[in-house]
Amino acid sequence: SISRDNAKNTVYLQMNSLKLEDTAVY
């Protein structure tokens, strides 16, 4: 799930149920 908080000038990526194939540089 991607979200943004403009007040904090920040974007997030919540990653759940991670799998081996999710391994990467983000």
mmCIF file of all heavy atoms, coordinates in Angstrom:
data_MODEL
# 
_entry.id   MODEL 
# 
loop_
_atom_site.group_PDB 
_atom_site.id 
_atom_site.type_symbol 
_atom_site.label_atom_id 
_atom_site.label_alt_id 
_atom_site.label_comp_id 
_atom_site.label_asym_id 
_atom_site.label_entity_id 
_atom_site.label_seq_id 
_atom_site.pdbx_PDB_ins_code 
_atom_site.Cartn_x 
_atom_site.Cartn_y 
_atom_site.Cartn_z 
_atom_site.occupancy 
_atom_site.B_iso_or_equiv 
_atom_site.pdbx_formal_charge 
_atom_site.auth_seq_id 
_atom_site.auth_comp_id 
_atom_site.auth_asym_id 
_atom_site.auth_atom_id 
_atom_site.pdbx_PDB_model_num 
ATOM 1   N N   . SER A 1 1  ? 0.833  -1.189  0.000  1.00 0.00 ? 1  SER A N   1 
ATOM 2   C CA  . SER A 1 1  ? 0.000  0.000   0.000  1.00 0.00 ? 1  SER A CA  1 
ATOM 3   C C   . SER A 1 1  ? 0.876  1.250   0.000  1.00 0.00 ? 1  SER A C   1 
ATOM 4   O O   . SER A 1 1  ? 1.740  1.397   0.856  1.00 0.00 ? 1  SER A O   1 
ATOM 5   C CB  . SER A 1 1  ? -0.929 0.008   1.221  1.00 0.00 ? 1  SER A CB  1 
ATOM 6   O OG  . SER A 1 1  ? -1.735 1.167   1.242  1.00 0.00 ? 1  SER A OG  1 
ATOM 7   N N   . ILE A 1 2  ? 0.650  2.119   -0.970 1.00 0.00 ? 2  ILE A N   1 
ATOM 8   C CA  . ILE A 1 2  ? 1.396  3.370   -1.056 1.00 0.00 ? 2  ILE A CA  1 
ATOM 9   C C   . ILE A 1 2  ? 0.528  4.498   -0.509 1.00 0.00 ? 2  ILE A C   1 
ATOM 10  O O   . ILE A 1 2  ? -0.685 4.526   -0.721 1.00 0.00 ? 2  ILE A O   1 
ATOM 11  C CB  . ILE A 1 2  ? 1.836  3.661   -2.503 1.00 0.00 ? 2  ILE A CB  1 
ATOM 12  C CG1 . ILE A 1 2  ? 2.755  4.887   -2.556 1.00 0.00 ? 2  ILE A CG1 1 
ATOM 13  C CG2 . ILE A 1 2  ? 0.643  3.834   -3.430 1.00 0.00 ? 2  ILE A CG2 1 
ATOM 14  C CD1 . ILE A 1 2  ? 3.385  5.113   -3.927 1.00 0.00 ? 2  ILE A CD1 1 
ATOM 15  N N   . SER A 1 3  ? 1.148  5.404   0.195  1.00 0.00 ? 3  SER A N   1 
ATOM 16  C CA  . SER A 1 3  ? 0.437  6.550   0.746  1.00 0.00 ? 3  SER A CA  1 
ATOM 17  C C   . SER A 1 3  ? 1.377  7.743   0.804  1.00 0.00 ? 3  SER A C   1 
ATOM 18  O O   . SER A 1 3  ? 2.593  7.596   0.671  1.00 0.00 ? 3  SER A O   1 
ATOM 19  C CB  . SER A 1 3  ? -0.136 6.236   2.131  1.00 0.00 ? 3  SER A CB  1 
ATOM 20  O OG  . SER A 1 3  ? 0.903  5.943   3.051  1.00 0.00 ? 3  SER A OG  1 
ATOM 21  N N   . ARG A 1 4  ? 0.810  8.920   0.982  1.00 0.00 ? 4  ARG A N   1 
ATOM 22  C CA  . ARG A 1 4  ? 1.632  10.117  1.077  1.00 0.00 ? 4  ARG A CA  1 
ATOM 23  C C   . ARG A 1 4  ? 1.125  11.011  2.187  1.00 0.00 ? 4  ARG A C   1 
ATOM 24  O O   . ARG A 1 4  ? -0.073 11.083  2.461  1.00 0.00 ? 4  ARG A O   1 
ATOM 25  C CB  . ARG A 1 4  ? 1.665  10.867  -0.261 1.00 0.00 ? 4  ARG A CB  1 
ATOM 26  C CG  . ARG A 1 4  ? 0.321  11.394  -0.741 1.00 0.00 ? 4  ARG A CG  1 
ATOM 27  C CD  . ARG A 1 4  ? 0.376  11.812  -2.204 1.00 0.00 ? 4  ARG A CD  1 
ATOM 28  N NE  . ARG A 1 4  ? 1.305  12.909  -2.440 1.00 0.00 ? 4  ARG A NE  1 
ATOM 29  C CZ  . ARG A 1 4  ? 1.751  13.269  -3.631 1.00 0.00 ? 4  ARG A CZ  1 
ATOM 30  N NH1 . ARG A 1 4  ? 1.370  12.592  -4.717 1.00 0.00 ? 4  ARG A NH1 1 
ATOM 31  N NH2 . ARG A 1 4  ? 2.586  14.287  -3.753 1.00 0.00 ? 4  ARG A NH2 1 
ATOM 32  N N   . ASP A 1 5  ? 2.047  11.684  2.825  1.00 0.00 ? 5  ASP A N   1 
ATOM 33  C CA  . ASP A 1 5  ? 1.743  12.650  3.859  1.00 0.00 ? 5  ASP A CA  1 
ATOM 34  C C   . ASP A 1 5  ? 2.387  13.957  3.428  1.00 0.00 ? 5  ASP A C   1 
ATOM 35  O O   . ASP A 1 5  ? 3.585  14.173  3.644  1.00 0.00 ? 5  ASP A O   1 
ATOM 36  C CB  . ASP A 1 5  ? 2.269  12.198  5.219  1.00 0.00 ? 5  ASP A CB  1 
ATOM 37  C CG  . ASP A 1 5  ? 1.822  13.094  6.351  1.00 0.00 ? 5  ASP A CG  1 
ATOM 38  O OD1 . ASP A 1 5  ? 1.492  14.272  6.100  1.00 0.00 ? 5  ASP A OD1 1 
ATOM 39  O OD2 . ASP A 1 5  ? 1.799  12.634  7.503  1.00 0.00 ? 5  ASP A OD2 1 
ATOM 40  N N   . ASN A 1 6  ? 1.610  14.802  2.800  1.00 0.00 ? 6  ASN A N   1 
ATOM 41  C CA  . ASN A 1 6  ? 2.156  16.040  2.261  1.00 0.00 ? 6  ASN A CA  1 
ATOM 42  C C   . ASN A 1 6  ? 2.693  16.967  3.347  1.00 0.00 ? 6  ASN A C   1 
ATOM 43  O O   . ASN A 1 6  ? 3.646  17.710  3.115  1.00 0.00 ? 6  ASN A O   1 
ATOM 44  C CB  . ASN A 1 6  ? 1.096  16.766  1.434  1.00 0.00 ? 6  ASN A CB  1 
ATOM 45  C CG  . ASN A 1 6  ? 0.759  16.046  0.150  1.00 0.00 ? 6  ASN A CG  1 
ATOM 46  O OD1 . ASN A 1 6  ? 1.521  15.200  -0.316 1.00 0.00 ? 6  ASN A OD1 1 
ATOM 47  N ND2 . ASN A 1 6  ? -0.384 16.368  -0.432 1.00 0.00 ? 6  ASN A ND2 1 
ATOM 48  N N   . ALA A 1 7  ? 2.084  16.924  4.523  1.00 0.00 ? 7  ALA A N   1 
ATOM 49  C CA  . ALA A 1 7  ? 2.549  17.764  5.618  1.00 0.00 ? 7  ALA A CA  1 
ATOM 50  C C   . ALA A 1 7  ? 3.961  17.392  6.049  1.00 0.00 ? 7  ALA A C   1 
ATOM 51  O O   . ALA A 1 7  ? 4.720  18.245  6.517  1.00 0.00 ? 7  ALA A O   1 
ATOM 52  C CB  . ALA A 1 7  ? 1.593  17.668  6.801  1.00 0.00 ? 7  ALA A CB  1 
ATOM 53  N N   . LYS A 1 8  ? 4.311  16.125  5.903  1.00 0.00 ? 8  LYS A N   1 
ATOM 54  C CA  . LYS A 1 8  ? 5.640  15.651  6.260  1.00 0.00 ? 8  LYS A CA  1 
ATOM 55  C C   . LYS A 1 8  ? 6.549  15.487  5.054  1.00 0.00 ? 8  LYS A C   1 
ATOM 56  O O   . LYS A 1 8  ? 7.695  15.056  5.196  1.00 0.00 ? 8  LYS A O   1 
ATOM 57  C CB  . LYS A 1 8  ? 5.546  14.318  7.002  1.00 0.00 ? 8  LYS A CB  1 
ATOM 58  C CG  . LYS A 1 8  ? 4.824  14.396  8.329  1.00 0.00 ? 8  LYS A CG  1 
ATOM 59  C CD  . LYS A 1 8  ? 4.799  13.046  9.014  1.00 0.00 ? 8  LYS A CD  1 
ATOM 60  C CE  . LYS A 1 8  ? 4.111  13.129  10.357 1.00 0.00 ? 8  LYS A CE  1 
ATOM 61  N NZ  . LYS A 1 8  ? 4.072  11.801  11.045 1.00 0.00 ? 8  LYS A NZ  1 
ATOM 62  N N   . ASN A 1 9  ? 6.035  15.823  3.874  1.00 0.00 ? 9  ASN A N   1 
ATOM 63  C CA  . ASN A 1 9  ? 6.792  15.665  2.632  1.00 0.00 ? 9  ASN A CA  1 
ATOM 64  C C   . ASN A 1 9  ? 7.353  14.254  2.497  1.00 0.00 ? 9  ASN A C   1 
ATOM 65  O O   . ASN A 1 9  ? 8.521  14.057  2.141  1.00 0.00 ? 9  ASN A O   1 
ATOM 66  C CB  . ASN A 1 9  ? 7.923  16.698  2.555  1.00 0.00 ? 9  ASN A CB  1 
ATOM 67  C CG  . ASN A 1 9  ? 7.411  18.116  2.503  1.00 0.00 ? 9  ASN A CG  1 
ATOM 68  O OD1 . ASN A 1 9  ? 6.358  18.388  1.926  1.00 0.00 ? 9  ASN A OD1 1 
ATOM 69  N ND2 . ASN A 1 9  ? 8.163  19.034  3.096  1.00 0.00 ? 9  ASN A ND2 1 
ATOM 70  N N   . THR A 1 10 ? 6.499  13.288  2.762  1.00 0.00 ? 10 THR A N   1 
ATOM 71  C CA  . THR A 1 10 ? 6.935  11.902  2.822  1.00 0.00 ? 10 THR A CA  1 
ATOM 72  C C   . THR A 1 10 ? 5.937  10.986  2.123  1.00 0.00 ? 10 THR A C   1 
ATOM 73  O O   . THR A 1 10 ? 4.727  11.175  2.232  1.00 0.00 ? 10 THR A O   1 
ATOM 74  C CB  . THR A 1 10 ? 7.113  11.448  4.279  1.00 0.00 ? 10 THR A CB  1 
ATOM 75  O OG1 . THR A 1 10 ? 8.077  12.289  4.923  1.00 0.00 ? 10 THR A OG1 1 
ATOM 76  C CG2 . THR A 1 10 ? 7.593  10.008  4.349  1.00 0.00 ? 10 THR A CG2 1 
ATOM 77  N N   . VAL A 1 11 ? 6.470  10.005  1.426  1.00 0.00 ? 11 VAL A N   1 
ATOM 78  C CA  . VAL A 1 11 ? 5.656  8.954   0.835  1.00 0.00 ? 11 VAL A CA  1 
ATOM 79  C C   . VAL A 1 11 ? 6.065  7.632   1.471  1.00 0.00 ? 11 VAL A C   1 
ATOM 80  O O   . VAL A 1 11 ? 7.234  7.430   1.811  1.00 0.00 ? 11 VAL A O   1 
ATOM 81  C CB  . VAL A 1 11 ? 5.799  8.919   -0.700 1.00 0.00 ? 11 VAL A CB  1 
ATOM 82  C CG1 . VAL A 1 11 ? 7.226  8.591   -1.108 1.00 0.00 ? 11 VAL A CG1 1 
ATOM 83  C CG2 . VAL A 1 11 ? 4.814  7.930   -1.308 1.00 0.00 ? 11 VAL A CG2 1 
ATOM 84  N N   . TYR A 1 12 ? 5.099  6.737   1.637  1.00 0.00 ? 12 TYR A N   1 
ATOM 85  C CA  . TYR A 1 12 ? 5.336  5.477   2.306  1.00 0.00 ? 12 TYR A CA  1 
ATOM 86  C C   . TYR A 1 12 ? 4.969  4.303   1.410  1.00 0.00 ? 12 TYR A C   1 
ATOM 87  O O   . TYR A 1 12 ? 4.149  4.421   0.509  1.00 0.00 ? 12 TYR A O   1 
ATOM 88  C CB  . TYR A 1 12 ? 4.504  5.373   3.588  1.00 0.00 ? 12 TYR A CB  1 
ATOM 89  C CG  . TYR A 1 12 ? 4.723  6.491   4.568  1.00 0.00 ? 12 TYR A CG  1 
ATOM 90  C CD1 . TYR A 1 12 ? 3.886  7.605   4.564  1.00 0.00 ? 12 TYR A CD1 1 
ATOM 91  C CD2 . TYR A 1 12 ? 5.754  6.446   5.494  1.00 0.00 ? 12 TYR A CD2 1 
ATOM 92  C CE1 . TYR A 1 12 ? 4.075  8.640   5.463  1.00 0.00 ? 12 TYR A CE1 1 
ATOM 93  C CE2 . TYR A 1 12 ? 5.951  7.477   6.395  1.00 0.00 ? 12 TYR A CE2 1 
ATOM 94  C CZ  . TYR A 1 12 ? 5.112  8.569   6.376  1.00 0.00 ? 12 TYR A CZ  1 
ATOM 95  O OH  . TYR A 1 12 ? 5.309  9.590   7.272  1.00 0.00 ? 12 TYR A OH  1 
ATOM 96  N N   . LEU A 1 13 ? 5.576  3.185   1.693  1.00 0.00 ? 13 LEU A N   1 
ATOM 97  C CA  . LEU A 1 13 ? 5.175  1.931   1.072  1.00 0.00 ? 13 LEU A CA  1 
ATOM 98  C C   . LEU A 1 13 ? 5.072  0.883   2.173  1.00 0.00 ? 13 LEU A C   1 
ATOM 99  O O   . LEU A 1 13 ? 6.089  0.442   2.709  1.00 0.00 ? 13 LEU A O   1 
ATOM 100 C CB  . LEU A 1 13 ? 6.174  1.476   0.007  1.00 0.00 ? 13 LEU A CB  1 
ATOM 101 C CG  . LEU A 1 13 ? 5.770  0.211   -0.751 1.00 0.00 ? 13 LEU A CG  1 
ATOM 102 C CD1 . LEU A 1 13 ? 4.544  0.479   -1.624 1.00 0.00 ? 13 LEU A CD1 1 
ATOM 103 C CD2 . LEU A 1 13 ? 6.928  -0.306  -1.606 1.00 0.00 ? 13 LEU A CD2 1 
ATOM 104 N N   . GLN A 1 14 ? 3.848  0.522   2.516  1.00 0.00 ? 14 GLN A N   1 
ATOM 105 C CA  . GLN A 1 14 ? 3.617  -0.534  3.488  1.00 0.00 ? 14 GLN A CA  1 
ATOM 106 C C   . GLN A 1 14 ? 3.639  -1.864  2.759  1.00 0.00 ? 14 GLN A C   1 
ATOM 107 O O   . GLN A 1 14 ? 2.879  -2.068  1.816  1.00 0.00 ? 14 GLN A O   1 
ATOM 108 C CB  . GLN A 1 14 ? 2.272  -0.334  4.188  1.00 0.00 ? 14 GLN A CB  1 
ATOM 109 C CG  . GLN A 1 14 ? 1.932  -1.414  5.206  1.00 0.00 ? 14 GLN A CG  1 
ATOM 110 C CD  . GLN A 1 14 ? 2.866  -1.422  6.391  1.00 0.00 ? 14 GLN A CD  1 
ATOM 111 O OE1 . GLN A 1 14 ? 3.153  -0.374  6.961  1.00 0.00 ? 14 GLN A OE1 1 
ATOM 112 N NE2 . GLN A 1 14 ? 3.357  -2.597  6.760  1.00 0.00 ? 14 GLN A NE2 1 
ATOM 113 N N   . MET A 1 15 ? 4.496  -2.752  3.200  1.00 0.00 ? 15 MET A N   1 
ATOM 114 C CA  . MET A 1 15 ? 4.707  -4.028  2.539  1.00 0.00 ? 15 MET A CA  1 
ATOM 115 C C   . MET A 1 15 ? 4.346  -5.149  3.507  1.00 0.00 ? 15 MET A C   1 
ATOM 116 O O   . MET A 1 15 ? 5.005  -5.329  4.527  1.00 0.00 ? 15 MET A O   1 
ATOM 117 C CB  . MET A 1 15 ? 6.161  -4.166  2.087  1.00 0.00 ? 15 MET A CB  1 
ATOM 118 C CG  . MET A 1 15 ? 6.674  -2.967  1.291  1.00 0.00 ? 15 MET A CG  1 
ATOM 119 S SD  . MET A 1 15 ? 8.478  -2.942  1.122  1.00 0.00 ? 15 MET A SD  1 
ATOM 120 C CE  . MET A 1 15 ? 8.736  -4.418  0.157  1.00 0.00 ? 15 MET A CE  1 
ATOM 121 N N   . ASN A 1 16 ? 3.303  -5.889  3.177  1.00 0.00 ? 16 ASN A N   1 
ATOM 122 C CA  . ASN A 1 16 ? 2.846  -6.994  3.997  1.00 0.00 ? 16 ASN A CA  1 
ATOM 123 C C   . ASN A 1 16 ? 2.958  -8.305  3.230  1.00 0.00 ? 16 ASN A C   1 
ATOM 124 O O   . ASN A 1 16 ? 3.061  -8.320  2.009  1.00 0.00 ? 16 ASN A O   1 
ATOM 125 C CB  . ASN A 1 16 ? 1.392  -6.785  4.432  1.00 0.00 ? 16 ASN A CB  1 
ATOM 126 C CG  . ASN A 1 16 ? 1.189  -5.531  5.242  1.00 0.00 ? 16 ASN A CG  1 
ATOM 127 O OD1 . ASN A 1 16 ? 2.030  -5.157  6.055  1.00 0.00 ? 16 ASN A OD1 1 
ATOM 128 N ND2 . ASN A 1 16 ? 0.047  -4.876  5.039  1.00 0.00 ? 16 ASN A ND2 1 
ATOM 129 N N   . SER A 1 17 ? 2.907  -9.392  3.973  1.00 0.00 ? 17 SER A N   1 
ATOM 130 C CA  . SER A 1 17 ? 2.969  -10.730 3.373  1.00 0.00 ? 17 SER A CA  1 
ATOM 131 C C   . SER A 1 17 ? 4.110  -10.842 2.378  1.00 0.00 ? 17 SER A C   1 
ATOM 132 O O   . SER A 1 17 ? 3.939  -11.302 1.247  1.00 0.00 ? 17 SER A O   1 
ATOM 133 C CB  . SER A 1 17 ? 1.632  -11.057 2.696  1.00 0.00 ? 17 SER A CB  1 
ATOM 134 O OG  . SER A 1 17 ? 0.565  -11.001 3.610  1.00 0.00 ? 17 SER A OG  1 
ATOM 135 N N   . LEU A 1 18 ? 5.274  -10.436 2.807  1.00 0.00 ? 18 LEU A N   1 
ATOM 136 C CA  . LEU A 1 18 ? 6.422  -10.384 1.913  1.00 0.00 ? 18 LEU A CA  1 
ATOM 137 C C   . LEU A 1 18 ? 6.837  -11.769 1.437  1.00 0.00 ? 18 LEU A C   1 
ATOM 138 O O   . LEU A 1 18 ? 6.766  -12.750 2.179  1.00 0.00 ? 18 LEU A O   1 
ATOM 139 C CB  . LEU A 1 18 ? 7.586  -9.691  2.600  1.00 0.00 ? 18 LEU A CB  1 
ATOM 140 C CG  . LEU A 1 18 ? 7.450  -8.169  2.675  1.00 0.00 ? 18 LEU A CG  1 
ATOM 141 C CD1 . LEU A 1 18 ? 8.375  -7.589  3.733  1.00 0.00 ? 18 LEU A CD1 1 
ATOM 142 C CD2 . LEU A 1 18 ? 7.746  -7.542  1.318  1.00 0.00 ? 18 LEU A CD2 1 
ATOM 143 N N   . LYS A 1 19 ? 7.266  -11.804 0.191  1.00 0.00 ? 19 LYS A N   1 
ATOM 144 C CA  . LYS A 1 19 ? 7.697  -13.029 -0.456 1.00 0.00 ? 19 LYS A CA  1 
ATOM 145 C C   . LYS A 1 19 ? 9.171  -12.928 -0.838 1.00 0.00 ? 19 LYS A C   1 
ATOM 146 O O   . LYS A 1 19 ? 9.726  -11.837 -0.920 1.00 0.00 ? 19 LYS A O   1 
ATOM 147 C CB  . LYS A 1 19 ? 6.859  -13.295 -1.712 1.00 0.00 ? 19 LYS A CB  1 
ATOM 148 C CG  . LYS A 1 19 ? 5.367  -13.374 -1.470 1.00 0.00 ? 19 LYS A CG  1 
ATOM 149 C CD  . LYS A 1 19 ? 4.612  -13.531 -2.778 1.00 0.00 ? 19 LYS A CD  1 
ATOM 150 C CE  . LYS A 1 19 ? 3.119  -13.622 -2.554 1.00 0.00 ? 19 LYS A CE  1 
ATOM 151 N NZ  . LYS A 1 19 ? 2.379  -13.767 -3.842 1.00 0.00 ? 19 LYS A NZ  1 
ATOM 152 N N   . LEU A 1 20 ? 9.778  -14.068 -1.096 1.00 0.00 ? 20 LEU A N   1 
ATOM 153 C CA  . LEU A 1 20 ? 11.181 -14.091 -1.482 1.00 0.00 ? 20 LEU A CA  1 
ATOM 154 C C   . LEU A 1 20 ? 11.434 -13.216 -2.708 1.00 0.00 ? 20 LEU A C   1 
ATOM 155 O O   . LEU A 1 20 ? 12.461 -12.538 -2.791 1.00 0.00 ? 20 LEU A O   1 
ATOM 156 C CB  . LEU A 1 20 ? 11.641 -15.515 -1.760 1.00 0.00 ? 20 LEU A CB  1 
ATOM 157 C CG  . LEU A 1 20 ? 11.627 -16.489 -0.580 1.00 0.00 ? 20 LEU A CG  1 
ATOM 158 C CD1 . LEU A 1 20 ? 12.077 -17.865 -1.046 1.00 0.00 ? 20 LEU A CD1 1 
ATOM 159 C CD2 . LEU A 1 20 ? 12.517 -15.988 0.546  1.00 0.00 ? 20 LEU A CD2 1 
ATOM 160 N N   . GLU A 1 21 ? 10.501 -13.225 -3.651 1.00 0.00 ? 21 GLU A N   1 
ATOM 161 C CA  . GLU A 1 21 ? 10.680 -12.470 -4.878 1.00 0.00 ? 21 GLU A CA  1 
ATOM 162 C C   . GLU A 1 21 ? 10.545 -10.963 -4.701 1.00 0.00 ? 21 GLU A C   1 
ATOM 163 O O   . GLU A 1 21 ? 10.758 -10.205 -5.646 1.00 0.00 ? 21 GLU A O   1 
ATOM 164 C CB  . GLU A 1 21 ? 9.706  -12.955 -5.961 1.00 0.00 ? 21 GLU A CB  1 
ATOM 165 C CG  . GLU A 1 21 ? 8.249  -12.919 -5.539 1.00 0.00 ? 21 GLU A CG  1 
ATOM 166 C CD  . GLU A 1 21 ? 7.746  -14.266 -5.048 1.00 0.00 ? 21 GLU A CD  1 
ATOM 167 O OE1 . GLU A 1 21 ? 8.504  -14.964 -4.349 1.00 0.00 ? 21 GLU A OE1 1 
ATOM 168 O OE2 . GLU A 1 21 ? 6.591  -14.621 -5.377 1.00 0.00 ? 21 GLU A OE2 1 
ATOM 169 N N   . ASP A 1 22 ? 10.187 -10.520 -3.497 1.00 0.00 ? 22 ASP A N   1 
ATOM 170 C CA  . ASP A 1 22 ? 10.143 -9.095  -3.216 1.00 0.00 ? 22 ASP A CA  1 
ATOM 171 C C   . ASP A 1 22 ? 11.523 -8.530  -2.890 1.00 0.00 ? 22 ASP A C   1 
ATOM 172 O O   . ASP A 1 22 ? 11.675 -7.312  -2.754 1.00 0.00 ? 22 ASP A O   1 
ATOM 173 C CB  . ASP A 1 22 ? 9.194  -8.805  -2.052 1.00 0.00 ? 22 ASP A CB  1 
ATOM 174 C CG  . ASP A 1 22 ? 7.744  -9.119  -2.373 1.00 0.00 ? 22 ASP A CG  1 
ATOM 175 O OD1 . ASP A 1 22 ? 7.308  -8.834  -3.515 1.00 0.00 ? 22 ASP A OD1 1 
ATOM 176 O OD2 . ASP A 1 22 ? 7.041  -9.645  -1.487 1.00 0.00 ? 22 ASP A OD2 1 
ATOM 177 N N   . THR A 1 23 ? 12.499 -9.393  -2.746 1.00 0.00 ? 23 THR A N   1 
ATOM 178 C CA  . THR A 1 23 ? 13.851 -8.946  -2.456 1.00 0.00 ? 23 THR A CA  1 
ATOM 179 C C   . THR A 1 23 ? 14.368 -8.047  -3.571 1.00 0.00 ? 23 THR A C   1 
ATOM 180 O O   . THR A 1 23 ? 14.385 -8.440  -4.741 1.00 0.00 ? 23 THR A O   1 
ATOM 181 C CB  . THR A 1 23 ? 14.791 -10.138 -2.282 1.00 0.00 ? 23 THR A CB  1 
ATOM 182 O OG1 . THR A 1 23 ? 14.396 -10.889 -1.134 1.00 0.00 ? 23 THR A OG1 1 
ATOM 183 C CG2 . THR A 1 23 ? 16.229 -9.682  -2.102 1.00 0.00 ? 23 THR A CG2 1 
ATOM 184 N N   . ALA A 1 24 ? 14.782 -6.849  -3.218 1.00 0.00 ? 24 ALA A N   1 
ATOM 185 C CA  . ALA A 1 24 ? 15.242 -5.879  -4.204 1.00 0.00 ? 24 ALA A CA  1 
ATOM 186 C C   . ALA A 1 24 ? 15.689 -4.613  -3.487 1.00 0.00 ? 24 ALA A C   1 
ATOM 187 O O   . ALA A 1 24 ? 15.429 -4.430  -2.298 1.00 0.00 ? 24 ALA A O   1 
ATOM 188 C CB  . ALA A 1 24 ? 14.131 -5.534  -5.197 1.00 0.00 ? 24 ALA A CB  1 
ATOM 189 N N   . VAL A 1 25 ? 16.348 -3.752  -4.235 1.00 0.00 ? 25 VAL A N   1 
ATOM 190 C CA  . VAL A 1 25 ? 16.568 -2.391  -3.784 1.00 0.00 ? 25 VAL A CA  1 
ATOM 191 C C   . VAL A 1 25 ? 15.353 -1.582  -4.198 1.00 0.00 ? 25 VAL A C   1 
ATOM 192 O O   . VAL A 1 25 ? 14.968 -1.594  -5.366 1.00 0.00 ? 25 VAL A O   1 
ATOM 193 C CB  . VAL A 1 25 ? 17.846 -1.778  -4.380 1.00 0.00 ? 25 VAL A CB  1 
ATOM 194 C CG1 . VAL A 1 25 ? 17.992 -0.325  -3.954 1.00 0.00 ? 25 VAL A CG1 1 
ATOM 195 C CG2 . VAL A 1 25 ? 19.065 -2.581  -3.949 1.00 0.00 ? 25 VAL A CG2 1 
ATOM 196 N N   . TYR A 1 26 ? 14.762 -0.899  -3.251 1.00 0.00 ? 26 TYR A N   1 
ATOM 197 C CA  . TYR A 1 26 ? 13.560 -0.118  -3.505 1.00 0.00 ? 26 TYR A CA  1 
ATOM 198 C C   . TYR A 1 26 ? 13.913 1.358   -3.599 1.00 0.00 ? 26 TYR A C   1 
ATOM 199 O O   . TYR A 1 26 ? 14.617 1.900   -2.746 1.00 0.00 ? 26 TYR A O   1 
ATOM 200 C CB  . TYR A 1 26 ? 12.525 -0.349  -2.402 1.00 0.00 ? 26 TYR A CB  1 
ATOM 201 C CG  . TYR A 1 26 ? 11.827 -1.679  -2.528 1.00 0.00 ? 26 TYR A CG  1 
ATOM 202 C CD1 . TYR A 1 26 ? 12.495 -2.864  -2.247 1.00 0.00 ? 26 TYR A CD1 1 
ATOM 203 C CD2 . TYR A 1 26 ? 10.497 -1.753  -2.942 1.00 0.00 ? 26 TYR A CD2 1 
ATOM 204 C CE1 . TYR A 1 26 ? 11.867 -4.089  -2.387 1.00 0.00 ? 26 TYR A CE1 1 
ATOM 205 C CE2 . TYR A 1 26 ? 9.860  -2.969  -3.077 1.00 0.00 ? 26 TYR A CE2 1 
ATOM 206 C CZ  . TYR A 1 26 ? 10.552 -4.136  -2.800 1.00 0.00 ? 26 TYR A CZ  1 
ATOM 207 O OH  . TYR A 1 26 ? 9.914  -5.349  -2.936 1.00 0.00 ? 26 TYR A OH  1 
# 
